[in-house]
Amino acid sequence: MPKTKTAEKSARSSARKAQRNKAVKSGVKSKVTRAEKLVAAKKGEDAAVAVTEAISSLDKAAKRKVIHANTAARKKSRLMKKLNASNKK
């Protein structure tokens, strides 16, 4: 339990931020998963649109410091690699 007023306020603020971050992370994961499924199913145009949306959400999450910038870059790279591989075949 927080002992001081500032510690109490900090705990409330931290809880709000954690809730917001959880929602953002969940949305990012959903978009990335959707994109990966479409790429695996080889739905060309739909997959490209889904990958673009996923990349956008990853960039926004990294900009807001919800996820680390390198994590976003790694996930974007892997998504594009999968998309390009599915387009070649």
Protein backbone atom coordinates (compact mmCIF):
# COMPACT_ATOMS: atom_id res chain seq x y z
CA MET A 1 0.00 0.00 0.00
CA PRO A 2 1.26 3.48 -0.83
CA LYS A 3 2.13 5.56 2.21
CA THR A 4 2.15 9.11 0.82
CA LYS A 5 -0.30 11.11 -1.27
CA THR A 6 2.13 11.23 -4.18
CA ALA A 7 2.59 7.46 -4.03
CA GLU A 8 -1.19 7.00 -4.08
CA LYS A 9 -1.52 9.28 -7.08
CA SER A 10 1.35 7.50 -8.80
CA ALA A 11 -0.37 4.15 -8.24
CA ARG A 12 -3.63 5.45 -9.74
CA SER A 13 -1.78 6.92 -12.71
CA SER A 14 0.15 3.71 -13.22
CA ALA A 15 -3.06 1.67 -13.18
CA ARG A 16 -4.64 3.95 -15.81
CA LYS A 17 -1.60 3.72 -18.04
CA ALA A 18 -1.42 -0.06 -17.66
CA GLN A 19 -5.05 -0.38 -18.69
CA ARG A 20 -4.50 1.82 -21.75
CA ASN A 21 -1.31 -0.02 -22.71
CA LYS A 22 -3.07 -3.37 -22.39
CA ALA A 23 -5.77 -2.26 -24.83
CA VAL A 24 -3.21 -0.98 -27.33
CA LYS A 25 -1.12 -4.17 -27.10
CA SER A 26 -4.21 -6.31 -27.57
CA GLY A 27 -5.19 -4.38 -30.70
CA VAL A 28 -1.69 -4.71 -32.12
CA LYS A 29 -1.63 -8.45 -31.48
CA SER A 30 -5.04 -8.87 -33.16
CA LYS A 31 -3.96 -7.00 -36.27
CA VAL A 32 -0.65 -8.86 -36.54
CA THR A 33 -2.38 -12.23 -36.11
CA ARG A 34 -5.00 -11.33 -38.72
CA ALA A 35 -2.27 -10.31 -41.17
CA GLU A 36 -0.30 -13.51 -40.57
CA LYS A 37 -3.38 -15.66 -41.17
CA LEU A 38 -4.19 -13.89 -44.44
CA VAL A 39 -0.57 -14.21 -45.59
CA ALA A 40 -0.60 -17.93 -44.75
CA ALA A 41 -3.87 -18.34 -46.68
CA LYS A 42 -2.24 -16.55 -49.66
CA LYS A 43 -4.94 -13.93 -50.04
CA GLY A 44 -2.77 -11.42 -51.90
CA GLU A 45 -4.60 -8.10 -51.81
CA ASP A 46 -6.32 -8.70 -48.46
CA ALA A 47 -3.02 -9.80 -46.93
CA ALA A 48 -1.22 -6.69 -48.19
CA VAL A 49 -3.90 -4.41 -46.71
CA ALA A 50 -3.85 -6.31 -43.40
CA VAL A 51 -0.05 -6.13 -43.23
CA THR A 52 -0.18 -2.37 -43.85
CA GLU A 53 -2.69 -1.96 -41.01
CA ALA A 54 -0.58 -4.14 -38.70
CA ILE A 55 2.56 -2.15 -39.49
CA SER A 56 0.72 1.10 -38.83
CA SER A 57 -0.53 -0.11 -35.46
CA LEU A 58 2.95 -1.35 -34.53
CA ASP A 59 4.42 2.06 -35.39
CA LYS A 60 1.79 3.86 -33.32
CA ALA A 61 2.36 1.57 -30.33
CA ALA A 62 6.11 2.12 -30.56
CA LYS A 63 5.63 5.88 -30.86
CA ARG A 64 3.56 5.87 -27.66
CA LYS A 65 6.22 3.71 -25.97
CA VAL A 66 3.72 0.89 -25.38
CA ILE A 67 6.14 -1.53 -27.05
CA HIS A 68 9.86 -1.07 -27.63
CA ALA A 69 10.86 0.40 -30.98
CA ASN A 70 13.11 -2.57 -31.79
CA THR A 71 10.27 -5.00 -31.03
CA ALA A 72 8.05 -3.14 -33.48
CA ALA A 73 10.80 -3.15 -36.11
CA ARG A 74 11.40 -6.88 -35.65
CA LYS A 75 7.70 -7.72 -35.97
CA LYS A 76 7.33 -5.50 -39.05
CA SER A 77 10.35 -7.11 -40.65
CA ARG A 78 9.05 -10.62 -40.04
CA LEU A 79 5.60 -9.71 -41.38
CA MET A 80 7.05 -8.24 -44.57
CA LYS A 81 9.33 -11.25 -44.99
CA LYS A 82 6.32 -13.58 -44.82
CA LEU A 83 4.31 -11.42 -47.20
CA ASN A 84 7.11 -11.23 -49.76
CA ALA A 85 7.70 -14.98 -49.54
CA SER A 86 4.03 -15.72 -50.15
CA ASN A 87 3.93 -13.37 -53.16
CA LYS A 88 6.92 -15.07 -54.80
CA LYS A 89 5.34 -18.51 -54.85
